[in-house]
Amino acid sequence: MPDSPPASAGDDRTPWSGGWYRPARRLDSPNFGPRPSGSAIDLVVLHSISLPPGRYGGDEVQALFTNRLDGSAHPYFEQIRGLQVSAHFYVRRTGELWQFVSCDDRAWHAGASSWRGRANCNDHSIGIELEGLEGERFEAAQYEALATLCPALMQRYPIEAVAGHEHIAPGRKLDPGPGFDWARLQRALGWPDAVFPPREGRT
């Protein structure tokens, strides 16, 4: 991994206030818990989400992560009524960044999962949702947001890998899907191949 000096949580020059990333819009989700004692936060998991699927620009994702989604507002929402999930971050198609859970805490984004021999990825990962749909392309502004956020995460946490939900839960999840350009993200970050899913495993 590239060498990154650790950030001091008490240094006002850093982008961090505890596990909260200052440049993001903060909206606290109740859907989180403590990480296991001694857990190294070393994985970033990328997802895609839109509510209802394929519709962009609304506030339904924020409502879902704060348990305020109106199940009667759309037929699809009936299918996920009562679902309690969250992610640490949400990147809109404009590049606007939201944060729902402190990165020091365990968000509920990965479900049953495993990466490089470690199960229960929620325990040791940071979840980033991209506004989008499996199979569709993502916006330049979203890659730019990731190119800023991921190095900031590496400054604070011992990040060793970046993977998609599809990679940590193969056969169960398909996001962010074939529309996500892993090579573009890698070029933007300048990180080595070992950080990312194997090239043959990228859709």
C-alpha atoms as a PDB file:
ATOM      1  CA  MET A   1       0.000   0.000   0.000  1.00  0.00           C
ATOM      2  CA  PRO A   2       1.130   3.599  -0.506  1.00  0.00           C
ATOM      3  CA  ASP A   3       2.545   5.156   2.617  1.00  0.00           C
ATOM      4  CA  SER A   4       0.155   7.665   4.191  1.00  0.00           C
ATOM      5  CA  PRO A   5       0.898   9.515   7.414  1.00  0.00           C
ATOM      6  CA  PRO A   6      -1.718   8.876  10.095  1.00  0.00           C
ATOM      7  CA  ALA A   7      -4.120  11.731  10.693  1.00  0.00           C
ATOM      8  CA  SER A   8      -4.565  13.064  14.183  1.00  0.00           C
ATOM      9  CA  ALA A   9      -8.215  13.191  15.256  1.00  0.00           C
ATOM     10  CA  GLY A  10      -7.508  16.317  17.279  1.00  0.00           C
ATOM     11  CA  ASP A  11      -5.888  18.212  14.416  1.00  0.00           C
ATOM     12  CA  ASP A  12      -8.321  20.738  12.966  1.00  0.00           C
ATOM     13  CA  ARG A  13      -6.344  20.702   9.726  1.00  0.00           C
ATOM     14  CA  THR A  14      -7.453  17.130   9.030  1.00  0.00           C
ATOM     15  CA  PRO A  15     -10.763  16.382   7.306  1.00  0.00           C
ATOM     16  CA  TRP A  16     -11.826  14.165  10.210  1.00  0.00           C
ATOM     17  CA  SER A  17     -13.749  14.757  13.411  1.00  0.00           C
ATOM     18  CA  GLY A  18     -13.555  11.378  15.056  1.00  0.00           C
ATOM     19  CA  GLY A  19     -14.981   8.944  12.521  1.00  0.00           C
ATOM     20  CA  TRP A  20     -16.909  11.697  10.729  1.00  0.00           C
ATOM     21  CA  TYR A  21     -15.572  13.112   7.469  1.00  0.00           C
ATOM     22  CA  ARG A  22     -16.058  16.850   7.604  1.00  0.00           C
ATOM     23  CA  PRO A  23     -16.586  17.484   3.856  1.00  0.00           C
ATOM     24  CA  ALA A  24     -19.616  15.155   3.809  1.00  0.00           C
ATOM     25  CA  ARG A  25     -23.158  16.161   4.681  1.00  0.00           C
ATOM     26  CA  ARG A  26     -23.949  14.412   7.940  1.00  0.00           C
ATOM     27  CA  LEU A  27     -27.263  12.640   8.525  1.00  0.00           C
ATOM     28  CA  ASP A  28     -27.148  10.189  11.417  1.00  0.00           C
ATOM     29  CA  SER A  29     -28.601   6.727  10.873  1.00  0.00           C
ATOM     30  CA  PRO A  30     -29.814   4.642  13.806  1.00  0.00           C
ATOM     31  CA  ASN A  31     -28.718   1.517  11.954  1.00  0.00           C
ATOM     32  CA  PHE A  32     -25.225   0.837  13.258  1.00  0.00           C
ATOM     33  CA  GLY A  33     -23.368  -0.856  16.079  1.00  0.00           C
ATOM     34  CA  PRO A  34     -19.920  -1.250  17.583  1.00  0.00           C
ATOM     35  CA  ARG A  35     -17.185  -3.010  15.694  1.00  0.00           C
ATOM     36  CA  PRO A  36     -15.640  -6.077  17.317  1.00  0.00           C
ATOM     37  CA  SER A  37     -12.835  -5.210  19.688  1.00  0.00           C
ATOM     38  CA  GLY A  38      -9.514  -4.926  17.901  1.00  0.00           C
ATOM     39  CA  SER A  39     -11.038  -5.050  14.428  1.00  0.00           C
ATOM     40  CA  ALA A  40      -8.799  -3.419  11.801  1.00  0.00           C
ATOM     41  CA  ILE A  41     -10.827  -1.266   9.405  1.00  0.00           C
ATOM     42  CA  ASP A  42      -9.015  -2.309   6.258  1.00  0.00           C
ATOM     43  CA  LEU A  43     -11.622  -2.740   3.499  1.00  0.00           C
ATOM     44  CA  VAL A  44     -13.707  -0.322   1.427  1.00  0.00           C
ATOM     45  CA  VAL A  45     -16.846  -1.820  -0.135  1.00  0.00           C
ATOM     46  CA  LEU A  46     -18.529  -0.083  -3.076  1.00  0.00           C
ATOM     47  CA  HIS A  47     -22.251  -0.505  -3.679  1.00  0.00           C
ATOM     48  CA  SER A  48     -24.857   1.000  -5.968  1.00  0.00           C
ATOM     49  CA  ILE A  49     -28.335   2.101  -4.939  1.00  0.00           C
ATOM     50  CA  SER A  50     -31.318   3.999  -6.295  1.00  0.00           C
ATOM     51  CA  LEU A  51     -34.868   4.191  -4.985  1.00  0.00           C
ATOM     52  CA  PRO A  52     -36.966   3.183  -6.723  1.00  0.00           C
ATOM     53  CA  PRO A  53     -34.461   1.344  -8.909  1.00  0.00           C
ATOM     54  CA  GLY A  54     -33.275   3.535 -11.768  1.00  0.00           C
ATOM     55  CA  ARG A  55     -34.722   6.786 -10.422  1.00  0.00           C
ATOM     56  CA  TYR A  56     -32.218   9.402  -9.332  1.00  0.00           C
ATOM     57  CA  GLY A  57     -32.253  12.724  -7.547  1.00  0.00           C
ATOM     58  CA  GLY A  58     -34.744  12.134  -4.746  1.00  0.00           C
ATOM     59  CA  ASP A  59     -34.238  11.745  -1.015  1.00  0.00           C
ATOM     60  CA  GLU A  60     -35.454   8.164  -0.738  1.00  0.00           C
ATOM     61  CA  VAL A  61     -32.005   6.719  -0.008  1.00  0.00           C
ATOM     62  CA  GLN A  62     -31.568   9.122   2.892  1.00  0.00           C
ATOM     63  CA  ALA A  63     -35.030   8.129   4.112  1.00  0.00           C
ATOM     64  CA  LEU A  64     -34.177   4.425   3.874  1.00  0.00           C
ATOM     65  CA  PHE A  65     -30.983   4.783   5.896  1.00  0.00           C
ATOM     66  CA  THR A  66     -32.816   6.727   8.623  1.00  0.00           C
ATOM     67  CA  ASN A  67     -35.854   4.381   8.734  1.00  0.00           C
ATOM     68  CA  ARG A  68     -38.183   7.063   7.353  1.00  0.00           C
ATOM     69  CA  LEU A  69     -39.002   5.605   3.939  1.00  0.00           C
ATOM     70  CA  ASP A  70     -42.738   5.716   3.203  1.00  0.00           C
ATOM     71  CA  GLY A  71     -43.604   2.185   2.155  1.00  0.00           C
ATOM     72  CA  SER A  72     -46.801   3.365   0.457  1.00  0.00           C
ATOM     73  CA  ALA A  73     -45.069   5.916  -1.784  1.00  0.00           C
ATOM     74  CA  HIS A  74     -44.091   3.389  -4.474  1.00  0.00           C
ATOM     75  CA  PRO A  75     -44.878  -0.305  -5.078  1.00  0.00           C
ATOM     76  CA  TYR A  76     -41.179  -1.207  -4.801  1.00  0.00           C
ATOM     77  CA  PHE A  77     -40.992   0.280  -1.331  1.00  0.00           C
ATOM     78  CA  GLU A  78     -43.487  -2.295  -0.080  1.00  0.00           C
ATOM     79  CA  GLN A  79     -40.864  -4.954  -0.784  1.00  0.00           C
ATOM     80  CA  ILE A  80     -38.354  -3.311   1.535  1.00  0.00           C
ATOM     81  CA  ARG A  81     -40.740  -2.043   4.221  1.00  0.00           C
ATOM     82  CA  GLY A  82     -39.141  -2.388   7.634  1.00  0.00           C
ATOM     83  CA  LEU A  83     -35.665  -2.987   6.213  1.00  0.00           C
ATOM     84  CA  GLN A  84     -32.997  -1.564   8.507  1.00  0.00           C
ATOM     85  CA  VAL A  85     -29.786  -0.888   6.622  1.00  0.00           C
ATOM     86  CA  SER A  86     -27.156   1.800   6.356  1.00  0.00           C
ATOM     87  CA  ALA A  87     -23.847   2.691   4.782  1.00  0.00           C
ATOM     88  CA  HIS A  88     -21.128   4.991   5.944  1.00  0.00           C
ATOM     89  CA  PHE A  89     -21.249   7.125   2.787  1.00  0.00           C
ATOM     90  CA  TYR A  90     -23.531   7.883  -0.141  1.00  0.00           C
ATOM     91  CA  VAL A  91     -22.250   9.551  -3.311  1.00  0.00           C
ATOM     92  CA  ARG A  92     -24.932  11.150  -5.450  1.00  0.00           C
ATOM     93  CA  ARG A  93     -24.585  11.385  -9.214  1.00  0.00           C
ATOM     94  CA  THR A  94     -23.590  15.019  -8.805  1.00  0.00           C
ATOM     95  CA  GLY A  95     -20.692  13.972  -6.568  1.00  0.00           C
ATOM     96  CA  GLU A  96     -22.428  15.282  -3.447  1.00  0.00           C
ATOM     97  CA  LEU A  97     -21.281  13.243  -0.468  1.00  0.00           C
ATOM     98  CA  TRP A  98     -23.382  12.198   2.522  1.00  0.00           C
ATOM     99  CA  GLN A  99     -22.336  10.323   5.662  1.00  0.00           C
ATOM    100  CA  PHE A 100     -24.725   8.337   7.862  1.00  0.00           C
ATOM    101  CA  VAL A 101     -22.518   6.367  10.250  1.00  0.00           C
ATOM    102  CA  SER A 102     -19.181   7.172  11.863  1.00  0.00           C
ATOM    103  CA  CYS A 103     -16.431   5.184  10.210  1.00  0.00           C
ATOM    104  CA  ASP A 104     -15.361   4.092  13.678  1.00  0.00           C
ATOM    105  CA  ASP A 105     -18.686   2.227  13.947  1.00  0.00           C
ATOM    106  CA  ARG A 106     -20.115  -0.756  12.104  1.00  0.00           C
ATOM    107  CA  ALA A 107     -22.673   0.140   9.428  1.00  0.00           C
ATOM    108  CA  TRP A 108     -25.139  -2.426   8.074  1.00  0.00           C
ATOM    109  CA  HIS A 109     -24.294  -2.582   4.373  1.00  0.00           C
ATOM    110  CA  ALA A 110     -22.572  -5.860   3.499  1.00  0.00           C
ATOM    111  CA  GLY A 111     -24.738  -8.644   4.900  1.00  0.00           C
ATOM    112  CA  ALA A 112     -23.434 -12.195   4.565  1.00  0.00           C
ATOM    113  CA  SER A 113     -20.031 -11.657   3.014  1.00  0.00           C
ATOM    114  CA  SER A 114     -16.379 -12.631   2.874  1.00  0.00           C
ATOM    115  CA  TRP A 115     -13.251 -11.108   1.388  1.00  0.00           C
ATOM    116  CA  ARG A 116      -9.804 -12.663   1.234  1.00  0.00           C
ATOM    117  CA  GLY A 117     -10.618 -15.218   3.882  1.00  0.00           C
ATOM    118  CA  ARG A 118     -12.363 -12.881   6.324  1.00  0.00           C
ATOM    119  CA  ALA A 119     -16.093 -13.236   6.843  1.00  0.00           C
ATOM    120  CA  ASN A 120     -18.613 -10.673   8.114  1.00  0.00           C
ATOM    121  CA  CYS A 121     -17.236  -7.743   6.151  1.00  0.00           C
ATOM    122  CA  ASN A 122     -19.383  -5.262   8.074  1.00  0.00           C
ATOM    123  CA  ASP A 123     -17.015  -5.815  10.988  1.00  0.00           C
ATOM    124  CA  HIS A 124     -13.952  -4.449   9.228  1.00  0.00           C
ATOM    125  CA  SER A 125     -15.150  -2.430   6.236  1.00  0.00           C
ATOM    126  CA  ILE A 126     -16.388   0.997   5.251  1.00  0.00           C
ATOM    127  CA  GLY A 127     -19.413   0.964   2.959  1.00  0.00           C
ATOM    128  CA  ILE A 128     -19.844   3.524   0.184  1.00  0.00           C
ATOM    129  CA  GLU A 129     -23.090   3.613  -1.778  1.00  0.00           C
ATOM    130  CA  LEU A 130     -23.035   5.153  -5.247  1.00  0.00           C
ATOM    131  CA  GLU A 131     -26.282   6.512  -6.625  1.00  0.00           C
ATOM    132  CA  GLY A 132     -26.765   4.272  -9.623  1.00  0.00           C
ATOM    133  CA  LEU A 133     -28.104   1.018 -10.961  1.00  0.00           C
ATOM    134  CA  GLU A 134     -26.373  -2.274 -11.693  1.00  0.00           C
ATOM    135  CA  GLY A 135     -25.357  -2.282 -15.345  1.00  0.00           C
ATOM    136  CA  GLU A 136     -25.559   1.476 -15.820  1.00  0.00           C
ATOM    137  CA  ARG A 137     -22.588   3.809 -15.974  1.00  0.00           C
ATOM    138  CA  PHE A 138     -21.604   6.125 -13.173  1.00  0.00           C
ATOM    139  CA  GLU A 139     -20.846   9.825 -13.436  1.00  0.00           C
ATOM    140  CA  ALA A 140     -17.451  11.520 -13.596  1.00  0.00           C
ATOM    141  CA  ALA A 141     -18.339  13.466 -10.447  1.00  0.00           C
ATOM    142  CA  GLN A 142     -18.755  10.204  -8.541  1.00  0.00           C
ATOM    143  CA  TYR A 143     -15.301   8.973  -9.521  1.00  0.00           C
ATOM    144  CA  GLU A 144     -13.901  12.359  -8.507  1.00  0.00           C
ATOM    145  CA  ALA A 145     -15.600  12.070  -5.116  1.00  0.00           C
ATOM    146  CA  LEU A 146     -14.131   8.585  -4.627  1.00  0.00           C
ATOM    147  CA  ALA A 147     -10.691   9.842  -5.669  1.00  0.00           C
ATOM    148  CA  THR A 148     -10.843  12.294  -2.763  1.00  0.00           C
ATOM    149  CA  LEU A 149     -12.638  10.162  -0.187  1.00  0.00           C
ATOM    150  CA  CYS A 150     -10.595   6.959  -0.535  1.00  0.00           C
ATOM    151  CA  PRO A 151      -7.215   8.609   0.187  1.00  0.00           C
ATOM    152  CA  ALA A 152      -8.789  10.395   3.155  1.00  0.00           C
ATOM    153  CA  LEU A 153      -9.951   7.023   4.460  1.00  0.00           C
ATOM    154  CA  MET A 154      -6.488   5.592   3.987  1.00  0.00           C
ATOM    155  CA  GLN A 155      -5.005   8.453   5.989  1.00  0.00           C
ATOM    156  CA  ARG A 156      -7.130   7.526   8.987  1.00  0.00           C
ATOM    157  CA  TYR A 157      -7.557   3.739   8.668  1.00  0.00           C
ATOM    158  CA  PRO A 158      -5.271   0.865   7.560  1.00  0.00           C
ATOM    159  CA  ILE A 159      -7.105   0.370   4.257  1.00  0.00           C
ATOM    160  CA  GLU A 160      -5.692  -2.567   2.288  1.00  0.00           C
ATOM    161  CA  ALA A 161      -8.412  -3.340  -0.252  1.00  0.00           C
ATOM    162  CA  VAL A 162     -11.303  -1.928  -2.256  1.00  0.00           C
ATOM    163  CA  ALA A 163     -13.993  -4.304  -3.531  1.00  0.00           C
ATOM    164  CA  GLY A 164     -17.560  -4.277  -4.787  1.00  0.00           C
ATOM    165  CA  HIS A 165     -20.544  -5.802  -3.055  1.00  0.00           C
ATOM    166  CA  GLU A 166     -20.563  -8.288  -5.926  1.00  0.00           C
ATOM    167  CA  HIS A 167     -17.068  -9.451  -4.935  1.00  0.00           C
ATOM    168  CA  ILE A 168     -17.695  -9.940  -1.227  1.00  0.00           C
ATOM    169  CA  ALA A 169     -21.104 -11.581  -1.754  1.00  0.00           C
ATOM    170  CA  PRO A 170     -20.817 -13.313  -5.147  1.00  0.00           C
ATOM    171  CA  GLY A 171     -24.011 -14.872  -6.414  1.00  0.00           C
ATOM    172  CA  ARG A 172     -26.062 -12.893  -3.918  1.00  0.00           C
ATOM    173  CA  LYS A 173     -25.223  -9.323  -4.944  1.00  0.00           C
ATOM    174  CA  LEU A 174     -24.392  -7.792  -8.321  1.00  0.00           C
ATOM    175  CA  ASP A 175     -23.520  -4.202  -7.466  1.00  0.00           C
ATOM    176  CA  PRO A 176     -22.000  -1.888  -8.403  1.00  0.00           C
ATOM    177  CA  GLY A 177     -22.040  -3.997 -11.551  1.00  0.00           C
ATOM    178  CA  PRO A 178     -20.559  -3.855 -15.040  1.00  0.00           C
ATOM    179  CA  GLY A 179     -21.172  -0.124 -15.384  1.00  0.00           C
ATOM    180  CA  PHE A 180     -18.526   0.645 -12.775  1.00  0.00           C
ATOM    181  CA  ASP A 181     -15.111   1.373 -14.253  1.00  0.00           C
ATOM    182  CA  TRP A 182     -12.578  -0.158 -11.860  1.00  0.00           C
ATOM    183  CA  ALA A 183      -9.656   0.782 -14.087  1.00  0.00           C
ATOM    184  CA  ARG A 184     -10.738   4.411 -13.987  1.00  0.00           C
ATOM    185  CA  LEU A 185     -10.867   4.387 -10.198  1.00  0.00           C
ATOM    186  CA  GLN A 186      -7.469   2.703  -9.995  1.00  0.00           C
ATOM    187  CA  ARG A 187      -5.933   5.299 -12.313  1.00  0.00           C
ATOM    188  CA  ALA A 188      -7.423   8.116 -10.265  1.00  0.00           C
ATOM    189  CA  LEU A 189      -6.071   6.705  -7.014  1.00  0.00           C
ATOM    190  CA  GLY A 190      -2.750   5.449  -8.310  1.00  0.00           C
ATOM    191  CA  TRP A 191      -2.978   2.390  -6.074  1.00  0.00           C
ATOM    192  CA  PRO A 192      -1.480  -1.003  -7.018  1.00  0.00           C
ATOM    193  CA  ASP A 193      -3.405  -3.947  -8.447  1.00  0.00           C
ATOM    194  CA  ALA A 194      -3.246  -5.790  -5.120  1.00  0.00           C
ATOM    195  CA  VAL A 195      -5.696  -3.304  -3.587  1.00  0.00           C
ATOM    196  CA  PHE A 196      -8.463  -4.086  -6.076  1.00  0.00           C
ATOM    197  CA  PRO A 197     -10.426  -7.158  -7.123  1.00  0.00           C
ATOM    198  CA  PRO A 198      -8.586  -9.369  -9.637  1.00  0.00           C
ATOM    199  CA  ARG A 199      -9.010  -7.994 -13.138  1.00  0.00           C
ATOM    200  CA  GLU A 200     -10.725 -11.171 -14.311  1.00  0.00           C
ATOM    201  CA  GLY A 201     -13.236 -10.719 -11.495  1.00  0.00           C
ATOM    202  CA  ARG A 202     -14.238  -7.218 -12.513  1.00  0.00           C
ATOM    203  CA  THR A 203     -17.508  -7.082 -14.418  1.00  0.00           C
END
